[in-house]
Protein backbone atom coordinates (compact mmCIF):
# COMPACT_ATOMS: atom_id res chain seq x y z
CA MET A 1 221.86 -91.02 -179.66
CA GLU A 2 220.45 -91.34 -176.13
CA ALA A 3 222.14 -94.72 -175.76
CA ASN A 4 225.55 -93.01 -176.06
CA ALA A 5 224.79 -89.96 -173.91
CA HIS A 6 226.21 -91.37 -170.68
CA PRO A 7 227.91 -94.65 -171.55
CA ARG A 8 229.78 -95.08 -168.28
CA ARG A 9 226.68 -94.49 -166.20
CA ARG A 10 224.12 -96.45 -168.21
CA TYR A 11 225.91 -99.29 -169.97
CA LEU A 12 228.57 -100.57 -167.59
CA PRO A 13 228.27 -104.34 -167.12
CA GLU A 14 226.68 -105.82 -164.07
CA PRO A 15 229.17 -107.42 -161.63
CA GLY A 16 229.04 -111.17 -161.46
CA PRO A 17 227.79 -113.14 -158.44
CA LEU A 18 231.32 -113.78 -157.16
CA THR A 19 232.30 -110.12 -157.39
CA THR A 20 229.09 -109.01 -155.70
CA GLY A 21 229.56 -111.54 -152.91
CA LEU A 22 233.15 -110.45 -152.29
CA LEU A 23 232.16 -106.79 -152.18
CA LEU A 24 229.38 -107.48 -149.69
CA LEU A 25 231.73 -109.56 -147.56
CA VAL A 26 234.35 -106.79 -147.50
CA CYS A 27 231.73 -104.15 -146.58
CA LEU A 28 230.32 -106.35 -143.83
CA ALA A 29 233.77 -107.02 -142.40
CA ALA A 30 234.56 -103.29 -142.40
CA MET A 31 231.30 -102.48 -140.60
CA VAL A 32 231.86 -105.17 -137.97
CA PHE A 33 235.41 -103.97 -137.37
CA ALA A 34 234.25 -100.37 -137.05
CA TYR A 35 231.37 -101.35 -134.76
CA ARG A 36 233.63 -103.28 -132.41
CA GLY A 37 236.38 -100.67 -132.49
CA LEU A 38 234.17 -97.64 -131.87
CA ASP A 39 231.60 -99.34 -129.62
CA PRO A 40 228.90 -96.96 -130.91
CA THR A 41 226.05 -98.48 -128.93
CA PRO A 42 226.68 -98.35 -125.17
CA VAL A 43 225.21 -100.53 -122.47
CA LYS A 44 221.65 -99.67 -121.53
CA ARG A 45 222.17 -99.32 -117.78
CA ILE A 46 223.74 -96.75 -115.43
CA VAL A 47 224.20 -97.19 -111.68
CA ILE A 48 224.10 -93.87 -109.83
CA ALA A 49 224.88 -93.23 -106.15
CA THR A 50 222.39 -90.78 -104.71
CA GLY A 51 222.33 -90.27 -100.96
CA PRO A 52 219.65 -90.68 -98.27
CA ASP A 53 216.35 -91.86 -99.65
CA GLN A 54 214.49 -88.62 -98.89
CA GLY A 55 217.35 -86.31 -99.83
CA ALA A 56 217.79 -84.00 -102.80
CA TYR A 57 220.12 -86.37 -104.66
CA ALA A 58 217.58 -89.17 -104.54
CA GLU A 59 214.92 -86.76 -105.79
CA PHE A 60 217.18 -85.66 -108.65
CA ALA A 61 217.83 -89.27 -109.68
CA ARG A 62 214.12 -90.13 -109.60
CA ARG A 63 213.50 -87.27 -112.03
CA TYR A 64 216.34 -88.42 -114.29
CA ALA A 65 215.03 -91.99 -114.50
CA PRO A 66 211.99 -91.53 -116.82
CA LEU A 67 213.91 -89.26 -119.20
CA LEU A 68 216.69 -91.80 -119.53
CA LYS A 69 214.18 -94.62 -119.84
CA ALA A 70 212.64 -92.84 -122.83
CA GLN A 71 216.05 -93.15 -124.51
CA GLY A 72 216.33 -96.84 -123.69
CA VAL A 73 218.67 -96.47 -120.69
CA THR A 74 217.77 -97.78 -117.24
CA LEU A 75 218.95 -95.74 -114.25
CA VAL A 76 219.63 -97.83 -111.14
CA LEU A 77 219.58 -95.82 -107.89
CA ARG A 78 222.02 -96.75 -105.11
CA ALA A 79 221.08 -95.17 -101.77
CA THR A 80 224.03 -93.97 -99.64
CA GLN A 81 224.76 -91.79 -96.62
CA GLY A 82 225.86 -88.89 -98.83
CA SER A 83 228.65 -87.33 -100.88
CA ALA A 84 231.63 -88.86 -99.09
CA GLU A 85 230.28 -92.37 -99.60
CA ASN A 86 229.32 -91.53 -103.18
CA LEU A 87 232.93 -90.61 -103.97
CA ALA A 88 234.24 -93.76 -102.34
CA LEU A 89 231.89 -95.89 -104.42
CA LEU A 90 232.87 -94.09 -107.63
CA ARG A 91 236.55 -94.75 -106.95
CA ASP A 92 235.88 -98.41 -106.22
CA ARG A 93 235.54 -100.09 -109.61
CA ALA A 94 234.12 -103.21 -107.98
CA SER A 95 231.14 -101.24 -106.58
CA GLY A 96 229.53 -100.99 -110.01
CA VAL A 97 228.68 -97.30 -109.42
CA GLU A 98 229.32 -95.24 -112.55
CA ALA A 99 227.79 -91.86 -111.65
CA ALA A 100 226.98 -89.92 -108.50
CA PHE A 101 225.92 -86.55 -107.18
CA VAL A 102 228.77 -85.02 -105.18
CA GLN A 103 228.80 -81.96 -102.98
CA GLY A 104 231.68 -79.53 -103.37
CA GLY A 105 234.21 -79.38 -100.56
CA VAL A 106 233.82 -82.92 -99.19
CA ASP A 107 236.43 -84.86 -101.18
CA PRO A 108 238.90 -86.29 -98.65
CA GLU A 109 241.36 -87.15 -101.44
CA ALA A 110 241.28 -83.77 -103.14
CA GLY A 111 244.72 -82.54 -104.13
CA ASP A 112 246.33 -80.11 -106.49
CA GLU A 113 245.66 -82.39 -109.47
CA PRO A 114 242.17 -83.68 -110.41
CA ASP A 115 241.51 -87.36 -109.89
CA PRO A 116 242.02 -89.01 -113.33
CA GLN A 117 239.43 -91.68 -112.50
CA LEU A 118 236.61 -89.15 -112.22
CA VAL A 119 235.25 -86.36 -114.40
CA SER A 120 232.45 -83.89 -113.84
CA LEU A 121 229.49 -83.37 -116.13
CA GLY A 122 228.96 -80.00 -114.48
CA ALA A 123 227.52 -78.34 -111.41
CA VAL A 124 223.78 -79.01 -111.26
CA ALA A 125 222.41 -77.12 -108.24
CA TYR A 126 223.14 -74.94 -105.25
CA GLU A 127 223.11 -76.86 -102.00
CA PRO A 128 222.57 -74.53 -99.06
CA LEU A 129 223.78 -75.43 -95.60
CA TRP A 130 220.53 -75.46 -93.64
CA LEU A 131 220.74 -75.01 -89.88
CA PHE A 132 217.29 -75.61 -88.43
CA TYR A 133 216.74 -74.93 -84.73
CA ARG A 134 213.87 -75.31 -82.29
CA ASP A 135 212.19 -72.20 -80.88
CA ASP A 136 211.99 -73.78 -77.46
CA SER A 137 215.78 -74.30 -77.36
CA VAL A 138 216.58 -70.58 -77.64
CA PRO A 139 215.82 -69.82 -73.93
CA ARG A 140 218.69 -72.11 -72.92
CA LEU A 141 221.23 -69.93 -74.73
CA PRO A 142 223.12 -67.13 -72.94
CA GLY A 143 220.74 -64.16 -72.67
CA ALA A 144 218.01 -66.31 -74.22
CA VAL A 145 218.89 -64.68 -77.56
CA LEU A 146 219.90 -66.39 -80.79
CA PRO A 147 223.52 -65.38 -81.48
CA THR A 148 224.79 -64.15 -84.85
CA ALA A 149 228.01 -66.18 -84.48
CA LEU A 150 228.05 -69.97 -84.29
CA ALA A 151 230.20 -69.85 -81.14
CA GLY A 152 227.11 -68.71 -79.22
CA LEU A 153 225.43 -72.09 -79.83
CA ALA A 154 227.86 -73.89 -77.52
CA GLY A 155 225.09 -74.98 -75.15
CA TRP A 156 223.11 -76.83 -77.81
CA ARG A 157 223.23 -80.39 -79.10
CA ILE A 158 223.62 -80.10 -82.86
CA ASN A 159 223.23 -83.04 -85.23
CA THR A 160 225.43 -82.66 -88.34
CA GLY A 161 224.03 -85.66 -90.17
CA PRO A 162 225.19 -89.21 -90.73
CA ALA A 163 228.80 -90.21 -91.24
CA GLY A 164 229.62 -90.49 -94.92
CA GLY A 165 227.47 -87.47 -95.75
CA GLY A 166 228.62 -84.06 -96.90
CA SER A 167 226.94 -81.94 -94.23
CA GLY A 168 229.28 -82.71 -91.33
CA PRO A 169 232.56 -81.64 -93.01
CA ILE A 170 231.22 -78.23 -94.09
CA PHE A 171 229.45 -77.39 -90.84
CA ARG A 172 232.45 -78.47 -88.78
CA THR A 173 234.69 -76.28 -90.92
CA LEU A 174 232.50 -73.23 -90.29
CA ALA A 175 232.08 -74.11 -86.61
CA ALA A 176 235.84 -74.29 -86.14
CA LEU A 177 236.22 -70.96 -87.95
CA GLU A 178 233.82 -69.24 -85.51
CA GLY A 179 234.94 -71.01 -82.34
CA LEU A 180 232.04 -73.41 -81.79
CA PRO A 181 233.49 -76.33 -79.79
CA ALA A 182 233.38 -79.79 -81.31
CA SER A 183 231.66 -81.10 -78.18
CA ALA A 184 228.46 -79.38 -79.30
CA LEU A 185 228.44 -81.33 -82.56
CA HIS A 186 227.74 -84.98 -83.23
CA SER A 187 227.11 -87.17 -86.25
CA GLY A 188 223.83 -89.01 -86.39
CA ASP A 189 224.25 -92.76 -86.19
CA MET A 190 221.09 -93.44 -88.17
CA ALA A 191 219.71 -92.50 -91.56
CA SER A 192 218.68 -88.87 -92.09
CA VAL A 193 214.96 -89.60 -91.66
CA HIS A 194 215.62 -90.66 -88.08
CA GLY A 195 217.72 -87.57 -87.46
CA VAL A 196 214.81 -85.38 -88.59
CA VAL A 197 212.43 -87.26 -86.32
CA ASP A 198 214.78 -86.87 -83.33
CA PHE A 199 215.03 -83.15 -84.01
CA VAL A 200 211.29 -82.59 -84.41
CA GLN A 201 210.58 -84.57 -81.24
CA GLY A 202 212.99 -82.43 -79.22
CA ARG A 203 215.93 -84.80 -78.74
CA GLU A 204 218.14 -82.39 -80.70
CA ASP A 205 218.37 -78.60 -80.43
CA ALA A 206 219.50 -78.06 -84.01
CA LEU A 207 219.94 -80.02 -87.21
CA ALA A 208 222.51 -79.06 -89.86
CA PHE A 209 222.57 -80.59 -93.30
CA VAL A 210 223.38 -79.64 -96.86
CA SER A 211 220.67 -80.17 -99.46
CA ALA A 212 218.90 -78.52 -102.37
CA ALA A 213 215.86 -76.40 -101.52
CA ASP A 214 213.37 -78.78 -103.14
CA ALA A 215 214.47 -81.81 -101.10
CA PRO A 216 211.53 -83.33 -99.17
CA PHE A 217 213.33 -82.98 -95.80
CA VAL A 218 213.99 -79.28 -96.38
CA GLN A 219 210.42 -78.51 -97.39
CA TYR A 220 209.06 -80.47 -94.44
CA LEU A 221 211.18 -78.62 -91.89
CA LEU A 222 210.54 -75.21 -93.46
CA HIS A 223 206.83 -75.71 -92.82
CA THR A 224 207.06 -77.40 -89.40
CA PRO A 225 205.70 -75.27 -86.51
CA GLY A 226 208.27 -74.44 -83.87
CA VAL A 227 211.20 -74.89 -86.27
CA GLU A 228 213.17 -71.89 -87.53
CA LEU A 229 216.01 -71.34 -89.98
CA TYR A 230 219.31 -69.88 -88.83
CA ASP A 231 220.55 -66.69 -90.52
CA PHE A 232 224.21 -67.07 -91.55
CA VAL A 233 225.12 -63.39 -91.38
CA HIS A 234 228.75 -64.24 -92.16
CA ALA A 235 227.90 -66.08 -95.40
CA GLU A 236 229.86 -63.65 -97.56
CA ALA A 237 232.90 -64.03 -95.32
CA TYR A 238 232.72 -67.83 -95.64
CA ALA A 239 232.51 -67.61 -99.42
CA ARG A 240 235.58 -65.35 -99.53
CA ARG A 241 237.59 -67.91 -97.55
CA TYR A 242 236.46 -71.10 -99.31
CA ALA A 243 236.20 -71.29 -103.10
CA PHE A 244 233.62 -74.10 -103.00
CA LEU A 245 231.11 -71.97 -101.05
CA HIS A 246 228.67 -69.32 -102.32
CA ALA A 247 226.87 -66.56 -100.44
CA LEU A 248 223.18 -66.55 -101.32
CA ARG A 249 220.05 -64.80 -100.09
CA LEU A 250 216.65 -66.25 -99.17
CA PRO A 251 214.18 -63.42 -99.89
CA ARG A 252 211.54 -62.38 -97.40
CA GLY A 253 208.25 -64.24 -97.87
CA LEU A 254 209.69 -66.88 -100.23
CA ILE A 255 208.80 -69.84 -98.01
CA ASP A 256 205.20 -68.75 -97.39
CA PRO A 257 204.17 -65.36 -98.81
CA ALA A 258 200.76 -65.47 -97.07
CA ALA A 259 202.38 -65.91 -93.65
CA ASP A 260 205.32 -63.62 -94.51
CA ARG A 261 207.86 -66.37 -93.87
CA PRO A 262 210.67 -65.64 -93.46
CA PRO A 263 209.84 -62.19 -92.04
CA GLN A 264 213.13 -60.79 -93.38
CA ASP A 265 215.81 -61.72 -95.90
CA LEU A 266 218.08 -64.51 -94.64
CA HIS A 267 221.75 -65.02 -95.49
CA VAL A 268 222.54 -68.47 -96.80
CA VAL A 269 225.85 -70.21 -97.46
CA ALA A 270 225.82 -72.92 -100.08
CA ALA A 271 228.01 -75.45 -101.82
CA THR A 272 227.29 -76.74 -105.32
CA ALA A 273 226.29 -80.25 -106.26
CA SER A 274 228.05 -81.76 -109.26
CA LEU A 275 227.17 -84.76 -111.39
CA VAL A 276 230.38 -86.82 -111.37
CA VAL A 277 231.02 -89.96 -113.41
CA ARG A 278 233.84 -92.39 -113.92
CA SER A 279 236.13 -91.26 -116.72
CA ASP A 280 235.75 -94.66 -118.44
CA LEU A 281 231.97 -94.36 -118.70
CA HIS A 282 230.89 -94.67 -122.33
CA PRO A 283 231.07 -91.23 -124.05
CA ALA A 284 227.52 -91.58 -125.37
CA LEU A 285 226.18 -92.07 -121.84
CA LYS A 286 228.06 -88.99 -120.67
CA GLU A 287 226.39 -87.02 -123.45
CA LEU A 288 222.99 -88.40 -122.52
CA LEU A 289 223.46 -87.63 -118.82
CA VAL A 290 224.51 -84.03 -119.38
CA GLN A 291 221.54 -83.48 -121.73
CA THR A 292 219.23 -84.93 -119.09
CA ALA A 293 220.81 -82.70 -116.44
CA ALA A 294 220.05 -79.65 -118.59
CA ARG A 295 216.37 -80.61 -118.75
CA ILE A 296 216.11 -81.28 -115.02
CA HIS A 297 218.23 -78.48 -113.54
CA GLY A 298 217.75 -75.72 -116.10
CA GLN A 299 214.54 -74.41 -114.51
CA PRO A 300 214.55 -71.40 -112.15
CA GLY A 301 214.51 -72.12 -108.42
CA TRP A 302 214.81 -70.45 -105.06
CA PHE A 303 218.46 -69.57 -105.58
CA ALA A 304 219.15 -70.15 -109.29
CA ARG A 305 218.05 -68.27 -112.38
CA ALA A 306 216.66 -70.10 -115.41
CA GLY A 307 219.51 -71.69 -117.35
CA GLU A 308 222.09 -71.09 -114.63
CA PHE A 309 222.47 -74.83 -114.13
CA PRO A 310 224.02 -77.06 -115.20
CA ASN A 311 227.33 -75.28 -115.80
CA MET A 312 231.06 -75.94 -115.89
CA ASP A 313 231.68 -74.65 -112.36
CA ALA A 314 233.47 -77.75 -111.07
CA PRO A 315 236.77 -76.67 -109.45
CA ILE A 316 237.66 -80.10 -108.02
CA PHE A 317 237.06 -82.43 -110.97
CA ALA A 318 238.03 -81.96 -114.58
CA ILE A 319 235.11 -81.36 -116.95
CA ALA A 320 234.43 -84.29 -119.29
CA PRO A 321 235.04 -83.38 -122.95
CA GLU A 322 231.47 -84.45 -123.81
CA ALA A 323 230.07 -82.03 -121.21
CA GLU A 324 232.35 -79.19 -122.30
CA ARG A 325 231.27 -79.68 -125.92
CA TYR A 326 227.61 -79.60 -124.87
CA TYR A 327 228.01 -76.36 -122.88
CA ARG A 328 229.76 -74.69 -125.80
CA SER A 329 227.72 -76.01 -128.73
CA GLY A 330 224.58 -77.70 -127.42
CA PRO A 331 223.55 -81.27 -128.29
CA PRO A 332 224.97 -82.92 -131.43
CA TRP A 333 223.06 -81.97 -134.57
CA LEU A 334 221.79 -85.48 -135.28
CA GLN A 335 220.43 -85.90 -131.75
CA ARG A 336 218.09 -82.98 -132.32
CA TYR A 337 216.20 -84.96 -134.96
CA LEU A 338 216.86 -88.67 -134.36
CA PRO A 339 216.45 -91.04 -131.42
CA PHE A 340 219.50 -91.10 -129.16
CA TRP A 341 220.70 -94.60 -130.10
CA LEU A 342 220.41 -93.98 -133.84
CA ALA A 343 222.00 -90.53 -133.72
CA ASN A 344 224.82 -91.85 -131.55
CA PHE A 345 225.45 -94.76 -133.94
CA ALA A 346 225.56 -92.47 -136.98
CA ASP A 347 227.67 -89.86 -135.20
CA ARG A 348 230.33 -92.38 -134.23
CA MET A 349 230.31 -94.31 -137.49
CA TRP A 350 231.22 -91.11 -139.32
CA ILE A 351 234.62 -91.38 -137.66
CA VAL A 352 235.22 -94.41 -139.87
CA LEU A 353 233.19 -93.40 -142.90
CA LEU A 354 234.82 -90.00 -143.48
CA PRO A 355 238.41 -91.31 -143.72
CA LEU A 356 237.12 -94.20 -145.84
CA ILE A 357 235.39 -91.81 -148.24
CA ALA A 358 238.48 -89.60 -148.33
CA ALA A 359 240.58 -92.62 -149.28
CA LEU A 360 238.13 -94.00 -151.84
CA TRP A 361 237.39 -90.72 -153.61
CA PRO A 362 240.74 -90.57 -155.50
CA LEU A 363 240.49 -94.28 -156.23
CA SER A 364 237.01 -93.83 -157.65
CA ARG A 365 238.44 -91.67 -160.43
CA LEU A 366 240.59 -94.58 -161.54
CA VAL A 367 237.71 -97.03 -161.79
CA PRO A 368 236.09 -95.82 -165.07
CA PRO A 369 239.37 -95.91 -167.06
CA LEU A 370 240.16 -99.33 -165.67
CA ILE A 371 236.71 -100.62 -166.63
CA GLU A 372 237.03 -99.11 -170.08
CA MET A 373 240.46 -100.66 -170.59
CA ARG A 374 239.16 -104.07 -169.48
CA LEU A 375 236.16 -103.89 -171.83
CA ARG A 376 238.21 -102.78 -174.84
CA SER A 377 240.74 -105.54 -174.16
CA ARG A 378 238.05 -108.09 -175.03
CA VAL A 379 238.17 -106.72 -178.57
CA TYR A 380 241.77 -105.55 -178.99
CA ARG A 381 243.35 -108.86 -178.03
CA TRP A 382 242.02 -110.37 -181.32
CA TYR A 383 243.94 -107.86 -183.44
CA GLY A 384 247.19 -109.63 -182.61
CA ARG A 385 245.79 -112.89 -183.92
CA LEU A 386 244.41 -111.12 -186.99
CA ARG A 387 247.84 -109.63 -187.73
CA THR A 388 249.47 -113.07 -187.47
CA ILE A 389 247.01 -114.55 -189.98
CA GLU A 390 247.52 -111.64 -192.38
CA ASP A 391 251.31 -112.05 -192.24
CA ALA A 392 250.92 -115.78 -193.01
CA SER A 393 249.22 -115.01 -196.33
CA GLY A 394 251.14 -116.65 -199.17
CA ARG A 395 253.02 -119.00 -196.83
CA ARG A 396 250.06 -121.05 -195.68
CA PRO A 397 247.05 -122.35 -197.64
CA ALA A 398 244.41 -119.67 -198.12
CA ALA A 399 241.60 -122.08 -197.25
CA GLU A 400 243.22 -122.84 -193.87
CA LEU A 401 243.68 -119.13 -193.11
CA ALA A 402 240.08 -118.45 -194.14
CA ARG A 403 238.80 -121.10 -191.71
CA GLU A 404 240.82 -119.48 -188.90
CA LEU A 405 239.33 -116.10 -189.79
CA ASP A 406 235.84 -117.60 -189.71
CA ALA A 407 236.53 -119.03 -186.24
CA ILE A 408 237.77 -115.64 -185.00
CA ASP A 409 234.74 -113.90 -186.52
CA ALA A 410 232.42 -116.31 -184.71
CA ARG A 411 234.21 -115.74 -181.41
CA VAL A 412 234.11 -111.95 -181.83
CA ALA A 413 230.40 -112.06 -182.66
CA ALA A 414 229.79 -113.79 -179.31
CA ILE A 415 231.62 -111.14 -177.22
CA GLU A 416 229.26 -109.52 -174.66
CA LEU A 417 229.85 -105.79 -174.33
CA PRO A 418 227.73 -102.76 -173.39
CA LEU A 419 226.04 -101.09 -176.34
CA SER A 420 228.40 -98.14 -176.10
CA TYR A 421 231.24 -100.44 -177.24
CA ALA A 422 229.36 -102.03 -180.15
CA ASP A 423 231.33 -99.92 -182.66
CA GLU A 424 234.55 -101.59 -181.46
CA VAL A 425 233.10 -105.03 -182.24
CA TYR A 426 231.83 -104.01 -185.68
CA ALA A 427 235.16 -102.38 -186.52
CA LEU A 428 236.99 -105.62 -185.65
CA ARG A 429 234.60 -107.72 -187.74
CA SER A 430 235.05 -105.30 -190.66
CA ASN A 431 238.84 -105.71 -190.39
CA ILE A 432 238.44 -109.52 -190.30
CA ALA A 433 236.40 -109.31 -193.52
CA MET A 434 239.03 -107.08 -195.12
CA VAL A 435 241.85 -109.52 -194.26
CA ARG A 436 239.74 -112.41 -195.61
CA ARG A 437 239.29 -110.58 -198.93
CA ARG A 438 242.99 -109.88 -199.22
CA ILE A 439 243.97 -113.51 -198.51
CA LEU A 440 241.41 -114.86 -201.00
CA ALA A 441 242.45 -112.31 -203.61
CA ALA A 442 246.12 -113.18 -203.20
CA ALA A 443 245.34 -116.92 -203.59
CA ALA A 444 243.19 -116.49 -206.73
CA PRO A 445 244.92 -117.53 -210.06
CA ALA A 446 246.03 -114.69 -212.24
CA ARG A 447 243.95 -114.14 -215.40
């Protein structure tokens, strides 16, 4: 019969209200414990240190903000003087800064071992060292000719950017390597915008700073009449000496093809900018930041091929496990189809659910036999009483034993069982009737 085809699936009894309530309470407690323990939903706010307001880092952060906002995370920009200040803020827990763009080669606390407080989400861009100079300052140089070595610029006043930035340390390193005296260099006391104004208005002969090619300051100076870009002919030599530097090339005509600017290929030396975060930043936010970096920095540019950035080229800081996993495998599978917060919640809850399922699976095989044993016990426990009454036949009045059998029969008839166990009830009632017949037959007078 269809009613007996799948008895354990179709005719198991419904749990009572108390059992249901206890099960729900246990499940709720387990979910709350897992939620608090795993912290699957991070805070919705990240504070990032950028740099000068018109610099490349600030421009990067402004492009990150709407993409993060679409995922429910607010990006708060903290303007600074540059990479050195960014690192100081990251190391200061009280600053509230959790992420920052950092230029390679400017960490004053760099040692043989990476800083355990900080991890990198990857290098995100090349940052060339731009040395802009004024055409009208060249006649004041020896021979009125622009030298190929930095030592020949000794007669100029060169602004290396504000203190706390990353431009000064790199340019001073190269200047010392080529014999340019420190007296020719000075740090700007004001924000970078004022340094650019001083340079354009002729109060400086040259301006050196490190920034990505698409930074507003760089694009402005590249198109300013009377301002030229220095050719670092020793760029390859610098890169061989310092691991954080790269030798690049600015092709002829890239700035302005119509005007053929520059009129020849220029040698460029560049550091790399990395996206660095505190190691205790929520793992989900690290994942979200590195995915956002891939969307922002993965496009081709003046010096980078499509897909070259972001990458794991971060020699100073250890790569965060979340970033390394992304570079090797791409975004988590769930995040390709679900909103970030939901995918992150499900991804982290699996850490609890999988061991729970693994533990419950063997136990689930014990449940049907236990249920079956409990259901059959409602019937089998009456057989002991039936045996006692049968053994009392001949020693106790038959009428009294018959009344007890009638009481048992009534109780058995009221037992609630699934239909698949109805045969057990009818078998017990048949045995009660058989014992009744035997007792009455034994008590009848002989004829």
